[in-house]
Amino acid sequence: MTRSPTQRAGDQAEDLALAYLERAGLRLVARQVANRFGEIDLIMRDRDEWVFVEVRRRSRADYGSAADSISAAKQGKLRRTAESWLQRHHGDRLPACRFDVCAMDGDRIDWIRNAF
């Protein structure tokens, strides 16, 4: 399957975020998990906690920072996607989890734990 230039840029941003988070001690569980609610870029483990990571990259700040681009609607989609994934893998016994953001403005990665 051929990826568009935008998709390839997103893949590259995810690669950078993944390497950054792995250096910080997190472990990759799944990547680009999609269901009827949306897509989660990275699902990782931080010790006993599940971490759902949204990766955003902006090359220019004309319309705000990368972190600013995650709207309340997008947060809702991420929550519903994560809930569905957790229920499928853990049933009704939902484990501890959090939502992190890796925001990239230019070459800088800003890892925001418990972003929402």
C-alpha atoms as a PDB file:
ATOM      1  CA  MET A   1       0.000   0.000   0.000  1.00  0.00           C
ATOM      2  CA  THR A   2       1.384   3.384  -0.987  1.00  0.00           C
ATOM      3  CA  ARG A   3       1.434   6.016   1.739  1.00  0.00           C
ATOM      4  CA  SER A   4       0.821   9.686   0.937  1.00  0.00           C
ATOM      5  CA  PRO A   5       3.506  12.274   1.748  1.00  0.00           C
ATOM      6  CA  THR A   6       1.411  13.395   4.739  1.00  0.00           C
ATOM      7  CA  GLN A   7       1.117   9.809   5.995  1.00  0.00           C
ATOM      8  CA  ARG A   8       4.862   9.256   5.557  1.00  0.00           C
ATOM      9  CA  ALA A   9       5.568  12.441   7.550  1.00  0.00           C
ATOM     10  CA  GLY A  10       3.214  11.171  10.278  1.00  0.00           C
ATOM     11  CA  ASP A  11       4.997   7.811  10.292  1.00  0.00           C
ATOM     12  CA  GLN A  12       8.335   9.601  10.690  1.00  0.00           C
ATOM     13  CA  ALA A  13       6.997  11.657  13.610  1.00  0.00           C
ATOM     14  CA  GLU A  14       5.708   8.478  15.263  1.00  0.00           C
ATOM     15  CA  ASP A  15       9.114   6.818  14.766  1.00  0.00           C
ATOM     16  CA  LEU A  16      10.818   9.757  16.506  1.00  0.00           C
ATOM     17  CA  ALA A  17       8.285   9.781  19.357  1.00  0.00           C
ATOM     18  CA  LEU A  18       8.560   6.019  19.794  1.00  0.00           C
ATOM     19  CA  ALA A  19      12.358   6.142  20.032  1.00  0.00           C
ATOM     20  CA  TYR A  20      12.128   9.035  22.516  1.00  0.00           C
ATOM     21  CA  LEU A  21       9.614   7.225  24.739  1.00  0.00           C
ATOM     22  CA  GLU A  22      11.518   3.933  24.613  1.00  0.00           C
ATOM     23  CA  ARG A  23      14.671   5.751  25.749  1.00  0.00           C
ATOM     24  CA  ALA A  24      12.587   7.035  28.681  1.00  0.00           C
ATOM     25  CA  GLY A  25      11.717   3.446  29.628  1.00  0.00           C
ATOM     26  CA  LEU A  26       8.286   2.920  28.064  1.00  0.00           C
ATOM     27  CA  ARG A  27       7.611  -0.279  26.114  1.00  0.00           C
ATOM     28  CA  LEU A  28       5.678  -0.435  22.839  1.00  0.00           C
ATOM     29  CA  VAL A  29       2.540  -2.596  22.841  1.00  0.00           C
ATOM     30  CA  ALA A  30       0.847  -1.535  19.590  1.00  0.00           C
ATOM     31  CA  ARG A  31       1.042   1.092  16.890  1.00  0.00           C
ATOM     32  CA  GLN A  32      -1.638   2.781  14.765  1.00  0.00           C
ATOM     33  CA  VAL A  33      -4.521   1.011  16.490  1.00  0.00           C
ATOM     34  CA  ALA A  34      -7.796   1.833  14.761  1.00  0.00           C
ATOM     35  CA  ASN A  35     -11.393   0.940  15.441  1.00  0.00           C
ATOM     36  CA  ARG A  36     -14.766   2.479  14.641  1.00  0.00           C
ATOM     37  CA  PHE A  37     -14.100   5.393  17.023  1.00  0.00           C
ATOM     38  CA  GLY A  38     -10.723   6.524  15.698  1.00  0.00           C
ATOM     39  CA  GLU A  39      -7.007   5.758  15.795  1.00  0.00           C
ATOM     40  CA  ILE A  40      -4.392   5.754  18.529  1.00  0.00           C
ATOM     41  CA  ASP A  41      -0.846   6.387  17.340  1.00  0.00           C
ATOM     42  CA  LEU A  42       1.010   4.445  20.044  1.00  0.00           C
ATOM     43  CA  ILE A  43      -0.059   2.202  22.908  1.00  0.00           C
ATOM     44  CA  MET A  44       2.724   1.732  25.418  1.00  0.00           C
ATOM     45  CA  ARG A  45       3.395   0.441  28.909  1.00  0.00           C
ATOM     46  CA  ASP A  46       4.985   2.522  31.640  1.00  0.00           C
ATOM     47  CA  ARG A  47       5.488  -0.083  34.353  1.00  0.00           C
ATOM     48  CA  ASP A  48       1.943  -1.114  35.358  1.00  0.00           C
ATOM     49  CA  GLU A  49       0.203   1.699  33.494  1.00  0.00           C
ATOM     50  CA  TRP A  50      -1.145   1.624  29.940  1.00  0.00           C
ATOM     51  CA  VAL A  51      -0.232   4.774  28.022  1.00  0.00           C
ATOM     52  CA  PHE A  52      -2.159   5.941  24.965  1.00  0.00           C
ATOM     53  CA  VAL A  53      -0.002   8.373  23.002  1.00  0.00           C
ATOM     54  CA  GLU A  54      -1.134  10.945  20.452  1.00  0.00           C
ATOM     55  CA  VAL A  55       1.741  12.176  18.267  1.00  0.00           C
ATOM     56  CA  ARG A  56       1.424  15.617  16.677  1.00  0.00           C
ATOM     57  CA  ARG A  57       3.984  17.423  14.564  1.00  0.00           C
ATOM     58  CA  ARG A  58       3.895  20.975  13.232  1.00  0.00           C
ATOM     59  CA  SER A  59       6.628  22.417  11.083  1.00  0.00           C
ATOM     60  CA  ARG A  60       5.220  25.949  11.429  1.00  0.00           C
ATOM     61  CA  ALA A  61       3.399  27.751  14.229  1.00  0.00           C
ATOM     62  CA  ASP A  62       1.071  29.801  12.007  1.00  0.00           C
ATOM     63  CA  TYR A  63      -1.978  28.056  13.471  1.00  0.00           C
ATOM     64  CA  GLY A  64      -0.681  27.300  16.969  1.00  0.00           C
ATOM     65  CA  SER A  65       1.525  24.635  18.445  1.00  0.00           C
ATOM     66  CA  ALA A  66       1.315  20.900  17.804  1.00  0.00           C
ATOM     67  CA  ALA A  67      -0.204  20.362  21.267  1.00  0.00           C
ATOM     68  CA  ASP A  68      -2.811  23.071  20.620  1.00  0.00           C
ATOM     69  CA  SER A  69      -4.075  21.098  17.617  1.00  0.00           C
ATOM     70  CA  ILE A  70      -5.634  18.379  19.808  1.00  0.00           C
ATOM     71  CA  SER A  71      -9.215  19.555  20.154  1.00  0.00           C
ATOM     72  CA  ALA A  72     -11.783  18.436  22.714  1.00  0.00           C
ATOM     73  CA  ALA A  73     -13.455  16.421  19.944  1.00  0.00           C
ATOM     74  CA  LYS A  74     -10.163  14.648  19.167  1.00  0.00           C
ATOM     75  CA  GLN A  75      -9.663  13.923  22.872  1.00  0.00           C
ATOM     76  CA  GLY A  76     -13.122  12.363  22.996  1.00  0.00           C
ATOM     77  CA  LYS A  77     -12.339  10.151  20.006  1.00  0.00           C
ATOM     78  CA  LEU A  78      -9.085   9.040  21.632  1.00  0.00           C
ATOM     79  CA  ARG A  79     -10.889   8.201  24.886  1.00  0.00           C
ATOM     80  CA  ARG A  80     -13.551   6.163  23.096  1.00  0.00           C
ATOM     81  CA  THR A  81     -10.937   4.365  20.997  1.00  0.00           C
ATOM     82  CA  ALA A  82      -8.899   3.530  24.108  1.00  0.00           C
ATOM     83  CA  GLU A  83     -11.975   2.358  26.048  1.00  0.00           C
ATOM     84  CA  SER A  84     -12.933   0.034  23.208  1.00  0.00           C
ATOM     85  CA  TRP A  85      -9.387  -1.349  22.976  1.00  0.00           C
ATOM     86  CA  LEU A  86      -9.166  -1.851  26.759  1.00  0.00           C
ATOM     87  CA  GLN A  87     -12.529  -3.614  26.915  1.00  0.00           C
ATOM     88  CA  ARG A  88     -11.509  -5.939  24.097  1.00  0.00           C
ATOM     89  CA  HIS A  89      -8.223  -6.809  25.823  1.00  0.00           C
ATOM     90  CA  HIS A  90      -9.192  -6.571  29.519  1.00  0.00           C
ATOM     91  CA  GLY A  91     -12.957  -6.959  29.711  1.00  0.00           C
ATOM     92  CA  ASP A  92     -14.698  -5.053  32.476  1.00  0.00           C
ATOM     93  CA  ARG A  93     -11.595  -4.872  34.677  1.00  0.00           C
ATOM     94  CA  LEU A  94     -10.057  -1.722  33.263  1.00  0.00           C
ATOM     95  CA  PRO A  95      -6.403  -1.214  34.249  1.00  0.00           C
ATOM     96  CA  ALA A  96      -4.689   2.046  35.144  1.00  0.00           C
ATOM     97  CA  CYS A  97      -4.075   4.165  32.068  1.00  0.00           C
ATOM     98  CA  ARG A  98      -3.300   7.679  30.928  1.00  0.00           C
ATOM     99  CA  PHE A  99      -3.231   9.784  27.778  1.00  0.00           C
ATOM    100  CA  ASP A 100       0.079  11.351  26.788  1.00  0.00           C
ATOM    101  CA  VAL A 101       0.972  13.633  23.905  1.00  0.00           C
ATOM    102  CA  CYS A 102       4.256  13.859  22.043  1.00  0.00           C
ATOM    103  CA  ALA A 103       4.101  17.294  20.456  1.00  0.00           C
ATOM    104  CA  MET A 104       6.778  18.182  17.944  1.00  0.00           C
ATOM    105  CA  ASP A 105       7.295  21.768  16.963  1.00  0.00           C
ATOM    106  CA  GLY A 106      10.236  21.826  14.587  1.00  0.00           C
ATOM    107  CA  ASP A 107      12.891  19.463  15.959  1.00  0.00           C
ATOM    108  CA  ARG A 108      11.818  19.669  19.618  1.00  0.00           C
ATOM    109  CA  ILE A 109       9.765  16.888  21.262  1.00  0.00           C
ATOM    110  CA  ASP A 110       7.574  17.941  24.160  1.00  0.00           C
ATOM    111  CA  TRP A 111       6.322  14.872  26.040  1.00  0.00           C
ATOM    112  CA  ILE A 112       3.169  15.826  27.936  1.00  0.00           C
ATOM    113  CA  ARG A 113       2.209  13.153  30.476  1.00  0.00           C
ATOM    114  CA  ASN A 114      -1.458  12.962  31.522  1.00  0.00           C
ATOM    115  CA  ALA A 115      -2.282  15.490  28.813  1.00  0.00           C
ATOM    116  CA  PHE A 116      -6.046  15.044  29.197  1.00  0.00           C
END
